[in-house]
Structure formats: structure tokens, C-alpha cells
C-alpha atoms as a PDB file:
ATOM      1  CA  MET A   1     143.511  66.144 137.209  1.00  0.00           C
ATOM      2  CA  ASN A   2     141.587  69.371 136.366  1.00  0.00           C
ATOM      3  CA  ALA A   3     141.582  70.762 132.814  1.00  0.00           C
ATOM      4  CA  ALA A   4     140.539  74.147 131.458  1.00  0.00           C
ATOM      5  CA  SER A   5     139.545  75.889 128.214  1.00  0.00           C
ATOM      6  CA  ILE A   6     138.553  79.442 127.454  1.00  0.00           C
ATOM      7  CA  VAL A   7     135.557  79.550 125.174  1.00  0.00           C
ATOM      8  CA  MET A   8     134.778  82.835 123.479  1.00  0.00           C
ATOM      9  CA  LEU A   9     132.955  84.552 120.581  1.00  0.00           C
ATOM     10  CA  PRO A  10     134.785  84.462 117.273  1.00  0.00           C
ATOM     11  CA  GLU A  11     135.101  88.176 117.217  1.00  0.00           C
ATOM     12  CA  ALA A  12     136.732  88.210 120.656  1.00  0.00           C
ATOM     13  CA  ALA A  13     139.152  85.448 119.437  1.00  0.00           C
ATOM     14  CA  ASP A  14     140.153  87.721 116.588  1.00  0.00           C
ATOM     15  CA  ARG A  15     141.438  90.258 119.173  1.00  0.00           C
ATOM     16  CA  LEU A  16     143.759  87.771 120.986  1.00  0.00           C
ATOM     17  CA  PRO A  17     147.530  88.069 120.410  1.00  0.00           C
ATOM     18  CA  ALA A  18     149.053  86.285 117.410  1.00  0.00           C
ATOM     19  CA  GLU A  19     150.957  83.815 119.585  1.00  0.00           C
ATOM     20  CA  LEU A  20     147.624  82.397 120.853  1.00  0.00           C
ATOM     21  CA  GLN A  21     145.954  82.052 117.460  1.00  0.00           C
ATOM     22  CA  PRO A  22     147.427  78.620 116.607  1.00  0.00           C
ATOM     23  CA  HIS A  23     145.941  77.254 119.795  1.00  0.00           C
ATOM     24  CA  LEU A  24     142.294  78.264 118.947  1.00  0.00           C
ATOM     25  CA  ALA A  25     139.770  75.809 117.696  1.00  0.00           C
ATOM     26  CA  ARG A  26     137.175  77.782 115.759  1.00  0.00           C
ATOM     27  CA  GLU A  27     133.606  76.974 114.943  1.00  0.00           C
ATOM     28  CA  GLU A  28     130.928  79.160 113.359  1.00  0.00           C
ATOM     29  CA  ARG A  29     129.636  80.567 116.680  1.00  0.00           C
ATOM     30  CA  TRP A  30     132.509  80.109 119.045  1.00  0.00           C
ATOM     31  CA  ALA A  31     136.245  79.665 119.472  1.00  0.00           C
ATOM     32  CA  MET A  32     137.991  77.721 122.180  1.00  0.00           C
ATOM     33  CA  LEU A  33     141.564  78.339 123.444  1.00  0.00           C
ATOM     34  CA  ASP A  34     143.235  75.187 124.637  1.00  0.00           C
ATOM     35  CA  VAL A  35     145.348  76.630 127.555  1.00  0.00           C
ATOM     36  CA  ASN A  36     147.201  73.330 128.108  1.00  0.00           C
ATOM     37  CA  ALA A  37     148.367  73.189 124.448  1.00  0.00           C
ATOM     38  CA  TRP A  38     149.427  76.859 124.614  1.00  0.00           C
ATOM     39  CA  SER A  39     151.398  76.237 127.759  1.00  0.00           C
ATOM     40  CA  GLN A  40     153.020  73.152 126.408  1.00  0.00           C
ATOM     41  CA  SER A  41     154.196  74.930 123.309  1.00  0.00           C
ATOM     42  CA  LEU A  42     155.431  78.015 125.205  1.00  0.00           C
ATOM     43  CA  PHE A  43     157.027  76.362 128.390  1.00  0.00           C
ATOM     44  CA  ASN A  44     157.240  72.749 127.424  1.00  0.00           C
ATOM     45  CA  ALA A  45     154.968  72.030 130.352  1.00  0.00           C
ATOM     46  CA  GLY A  46     151.224  71.893 131.086  1.00  0.00           C
ATOM     47  CA  VAL A  47     149.370  74.445 133.176  1.00  0.00           C
ATOM     48  CA  TYR A  48     149.379  73.702 136.851  1.00  0.00           C
ATOM     49  CA  PRO A  49     145.907  72.075 137.285  1.00  0.00           C
ATOM     50  CA  GLU A  50     144.533  74.334 140.068  1.00  0.00           C
ATOM     51  CA  ILE A  51     141.335  76.450 139.629  1.00  0.00           C
ATOM     52  CA  ARG A  52     143.005  79.525 141.010  1.00  0.00           C
ATOM     53  CA  VAL A  53     145.736  79.269 138.299  1.00  0.00           C
ATOM     54  CA  PHE A  54     143.062  78.839 135.578  1.00  0.00           C
ATOM     55  CA  ARG A  55     141.167  81.787 136.878  1.00  0.00           C
ATOM     56  CA  ARG A  56     144.266  83.994 136.874  1.00  0.00           C
ATOM     57  CA  LEU A  57     145.209  82.858 133.336  1.00  0.00           C
ATOM     58  CA  PHE A  58     141.619  83.563 132.162  1.00  0.00           C
ATOM     59  CA  GLU A  59     141.791  87.134 133.659  1.00  0.00           C
ATOM     60  CA  THR A  60     145.103  87.783 131.943  1.00  0.00           C
ATOM     61  CA  VAL A  61     144.162  86.361 128.506  1.00  0.00           C
ATOM     62  CA  THR A  62     140.716  88.100 128.375  1.00  0.00           C
ATOM     63  CA  ARG A  63     141.843  91.384 129.925  1.00  0.00           C
ATOM     64  CA  ASN A  64     141.312  93.361 126.663  1.00  0.00           C
ATOM     65  CA  LEU A  65     138.223  91.513 125.522  1.00  0.00           C
ATOM     66  CA  PRO A  66     134.579  92.848 125.900  1.00  0.00           C
ATOM     67  CA  PRO A  67     132.803  91.614 129.062  1.00  0.00           C
ATOM     68  CA  GLU A  68     130.753  88.457 128.672  1.00  0.00           C
ATOM     69  CA  SER A  69     132.485  87.632 125.398  1.00  0.00           C
ATOM     70  CA  ALA A  70     134.462  84.670 126.991  1.00  0.00           C
ATOM     71  CA  ARG A  71     134.052  81.950 129.533  1.00  0.00           C
ATOM     72  CA  LEU A  72     136.492  79.769 131.553  1.00  0.00           C
ATOM     73  CA  VAL A  73     135.389  76.293 131.466  1.00  0.00           C
ATOM     74  CA  VAL A  74     137.072  74.034 134.091  1.00  0.00           C
ATOM     75  CA  VAL A  75     136.424  70.321 134.280  1.00  0.00           C
ATOM     76  CA  GLU A  76     137.193  69.083 137.842  1.00  0.00           C
ATOM     77  CA  ARG A  77     137.964  65.342 137.676  1.00  0.00           C
ATOM     78  CA  ALA A  78     136.589  62.789 140.054  1.00  0.00           C
ATOM     79  CA  THR A  79     138.286  62.473 143.416  1.00  0.00           C
ATOM     80  CA  TRP A  80     138.270  59.696 146.042  1.00  0.00           C
ATOM     81  CA  LEU A  81     135.455  61.628 147.853  1.00  0.00           C
ATOM     82  CA  SER A  82     133.398  61.776 144.674  1.00  0.00           C
ATOM     83  CA  PRO A  83     134.632  59.091 142.291  1.00  0.00           C
ATOM     84  CA  ARG A  84     131.751  59.073 139.988  1.00  0.00           C
ATOM     85  CA  MET A  85     131.188  62.858 139.464  1.00  0.00           C
ATOM     86  CA  VAL A  86     132.661  65.359 137.083  1.00  0.00           C
ATOM     87  CA  ASN A  87     132.178  69.045 137.864  1.00  0.00           C
ATOM     88  CA  VAL A  88     132.134  71.707 135.154  1.00  0.00           C
ATOM     89  CA  LEU A  89     132.851  75.279 136.376  1.00  0.00           C
ATOM     90  CA  SER A  90     131.972  78.187 134.085  1.00  0.00           C
ATOM     91  CA  VAL A  91     133.270  81.539 134.972  1.00  0.00           C
ATOM     92  CA  ALA A  92     132.590  84.751 132.921  1.00  0.00           C
ATOM     93  CA  ARG A  93     134.250  88.176 133.161  1.00  0.00           C
ATOM     94  CA  PRO A  94     131.566  90.325 134.741  1.00  0.00           C
ATOM     95  CA  THR A  95     129.920  93.400 133.238  1.00  0.00           C
ATOM     96  CA  ALA A  96     130.211  96.691 134.961  1.00  0.00           C
ATOM     97  CA  ARG A  97     126.881  96.465 136.618  1.00  0.00           C
ATOM     98  CA  VAL A  98     127.139  92.820 137.991  1.00  0.00           C
ATOM     99  CA  PRO A  99     130.127  92.346 140.336  1.00  0.00           C
ATOM    100  CA  GLY A 100     131.711  88.887 140.747  1.00  0.00           C
ATOM    101  CA  SER A 101     131.691  85.895 138.550  1.00  0.00           C
ATOM    102  CA  SER A 102     128.854  83.511 137.568  1.00  0.00           C
ATOM    103  CA  ARG A 103     129.514  79.953 138.669  1.00  0.00           C
ATOM    104  CA  HIS A 104     127.484  76.969 137.228  1.00  0.00           C
ATOM    105  CA  ARG A 105     128.229  73.429 138.353  1.00  0.00           C
ATOM    106  CA  VAL A 106     127.093  70.653 136.204  1.00  0.00           C
ATOM    107  CA  ARG A 107     127.183  67.161 137.609  1.00  0.00           C
ATOM    108  CA  SER A 108     127.652  64.195 135.304  1.00  0.00           C
ATOM    109  CA  THR A 109     128.907  60.670 135.485  1.00  0.00           C
ATOM    110  CA  PRO A 110     131.713  59.299 133.419  1.00  0.00           C
ATOM    111  CA  GLY A 111     130.771  57.399 130.255  1.00  0.00           C
ATOM    112  CA  PRO A 112     131.107  53.745 129.791  1.00  0.00           C
END
């Protein structure tokens, strides 16, 4: 099953609506919104684990944030075609001069 989080700068997190604030994990240099915990508290159900759903949620949540202040991090779990691989997809809101999203895939193997 895929999972997602929105990682952002602390000053960007301060601009999110009050109902999202309890679902933010804050560190000195970043804040992370657990979209599944937020969905669970609001709808009593997790987010549908599809990348297209995560992207749309990311676009909606970060609509009023400065460009490049947040990233969507999606962890794609192993499948029967690639049972020993976990992909991490990072998507940023583009700046005005760079159309599209940046994609970075990181391959790793599960721990012991």
C-alpha cells in the first residue's frame, strides 16, 4: 500500500488552516503533515492510496503556500513485480519559471 506525507518549511506550515495544525510533526528546519492521520480524524477513513489522489491532495493543501516551500513524499510499497524495492516519489509545486513537477525516485531495499 502506498503512503504519503507533505513535508514543508516551518513558516509554510504556519500558514496552513487550523484544522491541519494538530496533524503536523514539527522539527527545527521542517514540518510534516501526515495526510493519513488527518483523513482518519476527518472522515474516519484513510486516504485512498493512489498517487493521483495524493497529488491532488497536495495541490489543494499547498495552494496558498509559496512555491518550492513544500514537497509531497510518496512511498510506493513493493509489488509482486518488484518485491524487494521501495520507491520514494518527491513532487514539488513548481515555480513560475519552471513548468511541471520534479520527480526523484530513490530505490532501496526493505530492512531486516
